[in-house]
Amino acid sequence: MEIMLHPRVKKYLEDCAEKEKVIEHIGRLAGDPYNTRSGVDIKKLKGKRHDMYRLRVGEHRVEYFVEENKIWIDDVFYRGRGYR
């Protein structure tokens, strides 16, 4: 699967102290973006417009959805910001 990043995700990753770790976990999504497994904590989110999922990477959260064999990374944020 191809991974597509929103421009705000690219901007967040430029300033992120754990950039390599977050990028590594995003890359693991290509294998199976739906199921939690060792080292990858995935949860389906409720109340979103698409079937959105959340990937937990330490203190960072990655929100994404899967459409037409592509993984669209919609948002990445620090845990303290919460879900909007």
Protein backbone atom coordinates (compact mmCIF):
# COMPACT_ATOMS: atom_id res chain seq x y z
CA MET A 1 0.00 0.00 0.00
CA GLU A 2 1.08 3.53 -0.71
CA ILE A 3 1.27 5.98 2.19
CA MET A 4 0.10 9.55 1.54
CA LEU A 5 0.97 12.36 4.01
CA HIS A 6 -1.07 15.52 4.54
CA PRO A 7 1.10 18.70 4.40
CA ARG A 8 0.46 19.41 8.11
CA VAL A 9 1.87 15.94 8.91
CA LYS A 10 5.07 16.74 7.01
CA LYS A 11 5.36 20.02 8.91
CA TYR A 12 4.82 18.29 12.26
CA LEU A 13 7.48 15.68 11.47
CA GLU A 14 10.04 18.38 10.58
CA ASP A 15 9.92 19.66 14.17
CA CYS A 16 9.37 16.32 15.92
CA ALA A 17 12.14 15.14 18.26
CA GLU A 18 11.22 11.47 17.67
CA LYS A 19 10.86 11.85 13.90
CA GLU A 20 12.60 8.59 12.97
CA LYS A 21 10.50 6.53 15.39
CA VAL A 22 7.22 8.00 14.12
CA ILE A 23 8.21 7.51 10.47
CA GLU A 24 9.22 3.90 11.16
CA HIS A 25 5.81 3.12 12.69
CA ILE A 26 3.98 4.85 9.84
CA GLY A 27 5.94 2.65 7.43
CA ARG A 28 4.78 -0.48 9.27
CA LEU A 29 1.17 0.41 8.42
CA ALA A 30 1.69 -0.70 4.82
CA GLY A 31 1.74 -4.35 5.94
CA ASP A 32 -1.57 -4.28 7.84
CA PRO A 33 -3.21 -0.94 8.68
CA TYR A 34 -6.14 -2.45 10.61
CA ASN A 35 -4.83 -4.76 13.33
CA THR A 36 -2.78 -4.21 16.47
CA ARG A 37 0.40 -6.31 16.64
CA SER A 38 3.72 -6.30 18.46
CA GLY A 39 5.09 -2.76 18.50
CA VAL A 40 2.07 -1.28 16.71
CA ASP A 41 -0.99 -0.11 18.69
CA ILE A 42 -3.95 0.59 16.39
CA LYS A 43 -7.48 1.56 17.38
CA LYS A 44 -10.53 2.38 15.26
CA LEU A 45 -11.92 5.82 16.13
CA LYS A 46 -15.62 6.52 16.57
CA GLY A 47 -17.55 9.51 15.27
CA LYS A 48 -15.27 10.47 12.39
CA ARG A 49 -16.34 11.08 8.77
CA HIS A 50 -14.27 8.17 7.39
CA ASP A 51 -13.35 4.91 9.04
CA MET A 52 -10.50 6.60 10.90
CA TYR A 53 -7.83 4.76 12.84
CA ARG A 54 -5.34 5.88 15.47
CA LEU A 55 -1.76 4.66 15.65
CA ARG A 56 -0.01 5.23 18.96
CA VAL A 57 3.73 5.94 18.83
CA GLY A 58 4.93 6.75 22.34
CA GLU A 59 3.54 10.21 23.15
CA HIS A 60 2.48 10.83 19.54
CA ARG A 61 -0.78 9.91 17.84
CA VAL A 62 -1.26 9.35 14.12
CA GLU A 63 -4.79 9.52 12.65
CA TYR A 64 -5.29 7.87 9.27
CA PHE A 65 -7.81 6.22 6.98
CA VAL A 66 -7.51 3.67 4.18
CA GLU A 67 -9.07 4.35 0.78
CA GLU A 68 -8.46 2.86 -2.66
CA ASN A 69 -5.41 0.85 -1.57
CA LYS A 70 -3.76 3.97 -0.10
CA ILE A 71 -3.17 4.92 3.52
CA TRP A 72 -3.94 8.62 4.04
CA ILE A 73 -2.15 10.04 7.10
CA ASP A 74 -4.55 12.83 8.08
CA ASP A 75 -3.01 14.13 11.30
CA VAL A 76 -0.13 13.59 13.73
CA PHE A 77 -0.12 15.24 17.13
CA TYR A 78 1.30 15.09 20.62
CA ARG A 79 -0.87 13.11 23.03
CA GLY A 80 -1.61 16.13 25.24
CA ARG A 81 -3.37 17.97 22.41
CA GLY A 82 -6.17 15.43 22.40
CA TYR A 83 -8.59 14.50 19.66
CA ARG A 84 -10.46 17.28 17.88
